[in-house]
């Protein structure tokens, strides 16, 4: 099963248009950028935090893929 670790309406729409079955995960990942954090570092950190949180929630599914 593909799990979407993002509430992005656009990603949701793209996967639905491609007829790919997926589940959207409800994650509580802070998206606050640090004062001295570079934009690229911020995006990378938040993406990794969401992926890790998503994998933790989907751990019961041995075929889980988190996007």
N, C-alpha and C. Protein backbone atom coordinates (compact mmCIF):
# COMPACT_ATOMS: atom_id res chain seq x y z
N UNK A 1 0.85 -1.19 0.00
CA UNK A 1 0.00 0.00 0.00
C UNK A 1 0.88 1.24 0.00
N UNK A 2 0.47 2.22 -0.74
CA UNK A 2 1.15 3.51 -0.78
C UNK A 2 0.48 4.44 0.22
N UNK A 3 1.30 5.05 1.07
CA UNK A 3 0.81 5.99 2.07
C UNK A 3 1.35 7.37 1.73
N UNK A 4 0.48 8.35 1.74
CA UNK A 4 0.86 9.72 1.45
C UNK A 4 1.06 10.44 2.77
N UNK A 5 2.31 10.83 3.04
CA UNK A 5 2.66 11.49 4.31
C UNK A 5 2.58 13.00 4.15
N UNK A 6 1.58 13.44 3.42
CA UNK A 6 1.41 14.86 3.15
C UNK A 6 -0.07 15.14 2.97
N UNK A 7 -0.49 16.29 3.40
CA UNK A 7 -1.89 16.68 3.20
C UNK A 7 -2.04 17.53 1.94
N UNK A 8 -1.05 17.50 1.09
CA UNK A 8 -1.06 18.31 -0.12
C UNK A 8 -2.22 17.91 -1.03
N UNK A 9 -3.15 18.82 -1.29
CA UNK A 9 -4.25 18.50 -2.19
C UNK A 9 -3.76 18.14 -3.59
N UNK A 10 -2.68 18.75 -4.02
CA UNK A 10 -2.15 18.48 -5.36
C UNK A 10 -1.62 17.05 -5.47
N UNK A 11 -0.86 16.60 -4.49
CA UNK A 11 -0.35 15.22 -4.51
C UNK A 11 -1.51 14.23 -4.47
N UNK A 12 -2.49 14.53 -3.64
CA UNK A 12 -3.68 13.69 -3.54
C UNK A 12 -4.37 13.60 -4.90
N UNK A 13 -4.54 14.72 -5.55
CA UNK A 13 -5.18 14.78 -6.86
C UNK A 13 -4.39 14.00 -7.91
N UNK A 14 -3.06 14.17 -7.92
CA UNK A 14 -2.23 13.47 -8.91
C UNK A 14 -2.32 11.96 -8.77
N UNK A 15 -2.25 11.47 -7.54
CA UNK A 15 -2.34 10.02 -7.33
C UNK A 15 -3.72 9.50 -7.72
N UNK A 16 -4.76 10.25 -7.39
CA UNK A 16 -6.12 9.85 -7.75
C UNK A 16 -6.29 9.82 -9.27
N UNK A 17 -5.75 10.82 -9.96
CA UNK A 17 -5.85 10.87 -11.43
C UNK A 17 -5.14 9.69 -12.08
N UNK A 18 -4.04 9.24 -11.46
CA UNK A 18 -3.30 8.11 -11.99
C UNK A 18 -3.92 6.78 -11.58
N UNK A 19 -5.00 6.86 -10.82
CA UNK A 19 -5.72 5.68 -10.34
C UNK A 19 -4.82 4.77 -9.50
N UNK A 20 -3.96 5.41 -8.70
CA UNK A 20 -3.07 4.68 -7.80
C UNK A 20 -3.73 4.62 -6.43
N UNK A 21 -3.96 3.43 -5.90
CA UNK A 21 -4.56 3.35 -4.57
C UNK A 21 -3.58 3.85 -3.50
N UNK A 22 -4.07 4.66 -2.59
CA UNK A 22 -3.22 5.20 -1.53
C UNK A 22 -4.09 5.59 -0.35
N UNK A 23 -3.42 5.79 0.76
CA UNK A 23 -4.07 6.31 1.96
C UNK A 23 -3.29 7.53 2.42
N UNK A 24 -4.01 8.56 2.82
CA UNK A 24 -3.37 9.75 3.35
C UNK A 24 -3.21 9.60 4.85
N UNK A 25 -2.00 9.81 5.34
CA UNK A 25 -1.74 9.71 6.78
C UNK A 25 -1.96 11.06 7.44
N UNK A 26 -2.54 11.02 8.62
CA UNK A 26 -2.74 12.24 9.40
C UNK A 26 -1.57 12.35 10.37
N UNK A 27 -0.57 13.12 10.00
CA UNK A 27 0.66 13.23 10.79
C UNK A 27 0.72 14.58 11.50
N UNK A 28 1.31 14.57 12.67
CA UNK A 28 1.51 15.80 13.42
C UNK A 28 2.99 16.16 13.36
N UNK A 29 3.40 16.72 12.23
CA UNK A 29 4.80 17.09 12.02
C UNK A 29 4.89 18.61 11.92
N UNK A 30 5.62 19.24 12.85
CA UNK A 30 5.75 20.70 12.79
C UNK A 30 6.45 21.15 11.51
N UNK A 31 5.93 22.19 10.92
CA UNK A 31 6.52 22.72 9.68
C UNK A 31 7.02 24.14 9.89
N UNK A 32 7.62 24.38 11.03
CA UNK A 32 8.13 25.71 11.36
C UNK A 32 9.61 25.77 11.01
N UNK A 33 9.96 26.76 10.22
CA UNK A 33 11.35 26.93 9.79
C UNK A 33 12.13 27.66 10.88
N UNK A 34 13.32 27.13 11.19
CA UNK A 34 14.19 27.76 12.16
C UNK A 34 14.71 29.09 11.63
N UNK A 35 14.99 30.01 12.53
CA UNK A 35 15.44 31.36 12.14
C UNK A 35 16.69 31.33 11.26
N UNK A 36 17.61 30.43 11.55
CA UNK A 36 18.86 30.35 10.78
C UNK A 36 18.88 29.18 9.80
N UNK A 37 17.73 28.57 9.57
CA UNK A 37 17.66 27.39 8.72
C UNK A 37 17.49 27.80 7.25
N UNK A 38 18.39 27.32 6.42
CA UNK A 38 18.31 27.60 4.98
C UNK A 38 17.06 26.94 4.39
N UNK A 39 16.47 27.53 3.37
CA UNK A 39 15.26 26.95 2.78
C UNK A 39 15.41 25.49 2.36
N UNK A 40 16.52 25.16 1.72
CA UNK A 40 16.73 23.77 1.28
C UNK A 40 16.84 22.83 2.47
N UNK A 41 17.50 23.26 3.53
CA UNK A 41 17.63 22.44 4.74
C UNK A 41 16.27 22.25 5.40
N UNK A 42 15.47 23.30 5.40
CA UNK A 42 14.12 23.23 5.98
C UNK A 42 13.26 22.20 5.23
N UNK A 43 13.25 22.28 3.91
CA UNK A 43 12.45 21.36 3.10
C UNK A 43 12.91 19.93 3.31
N UNK A 44 14.22 19.72 3.31
CA UNK A 44 14.78 18.38 3.51
C UNK A 44 14.38 17.83 4.89
N UNK A 45 14.51 18.66 5.93
CA UNK A 45 14.19 18.23 7.29
C UNK A 45 12.72 17.86 7.43
N UNK A 46 11.84 18.72 6.93
CA UNK A 46 10.40 18.44 7.05
C UNK A 46 10.03 17.19 6.26
N UNK A 47 10.58 17.02 5.07
CA UNK A 47 10.30 15.82 4.27
C UNK A 47 10.75 14.56 5.00
N UNK A 48 11.94 14.59 5.58
CA UNK A 48 12.43 13.43 6.33
C UNK A 48 11.58 13.17 7.57
N UNK A 49 11.21 14.23 8.28
CA UNK A 49 10.36 14.07 9.46
C UNK A 49 9.02 13.44 9.09
N UNK A 50 8.43 13.88 7.99
CA UNK A 50 7.15 13.31 7.54
C UNK A 50 7.31 11.86 7.12
N UNK A 51 8.39 11.56 6.41
CA UNK A 51 8.63 10.18 5.98
C UNK A 51 8.83 9.26 7.17
N UNK A 52 9.60 9.70 8.15
CA UNK A 52 9.83 8.88 9.34
C UNK A 52 8.54 8.67 10.13
N UNK A 53 7.77 9.72 10.30
CA UNK A 53 6.50 9.61 11.02
C UNK A 53 5.54 8.70 10.25
N UNK A 54 5.53 8.82 8.94
CA UNK A 54 4.67 7.97 8.12
C UNK A 54 5.06 6.51 8.20
N UNK A 55 6.35 6.24 8.16
CA UNK A 55 6.82 4.85 8.27
C UNK A 55 6.47 4.26 9.63
N UNK A 56 6.56 5.07 10.67
CA UNK A 56 6.21 4.60 12.01
C UNK A 56 4.73 4.23 12.07
N UNK A 57 3.87 5.02 11.46
CA UNK A 57 2.43 4.72 11.47
C UNK A 57 2.09 3.52 10.59
N UNK A 58 2.81 3.35 9.50
CA UNK A 58 2.51 2.28 8.55
C UNK A 58 3.33 1.02 8.81
N UNK A 59 4.03 0.96 9.93
CA UNK A 59 4.94 -0.15 10.22
C UNK A 59 4.26 -1.51 10.22
N UNK A 60 2.98 -1.55 10.53
CA UNK A 60 2.26 -2.82 10.57
C UNK A 60 2.06 -3.42 9.17
N UNK A 61 2.21 -2.61 8.15
CA UNK A 61 2.04 -3.07 6.77
C UNK A 61 3.41 -3.38 6.18
N UNK A 62 3.74 -4.67 5.98
CA UNK A 62 5.07 -5.03 5.49
C UNK A 62 5.36 -4.53 4.07
N UNK A 63 4.33 -4.18 3.33
CA UNK A 63 4.52 -3.70 1.96
C UNK A 63 4.32 -2.19 1.86
N UNK A 64 4.39 -1.51 2.99
CA UNK A 64 4.15 -0.07 3.02
C UNK A 64 5.22 0.70 2.25
N UNK A 65 4.75 1.66 1.48
CA UNK A 65 5.63 2.63 0.82
C UNK A 65 5.09 4.00 1.22
N UNK A 66 5.98 4.85 1.71
CA UNK A 66 5.55 6.17 2.17
C UNK A 66 6.11 7.22 1.24
N UNK A 67 5.23 8.08 0.77
CA UNK A 67 5.61 9.17 -0.13
C UNK A 67 5.34 10.48 0.57
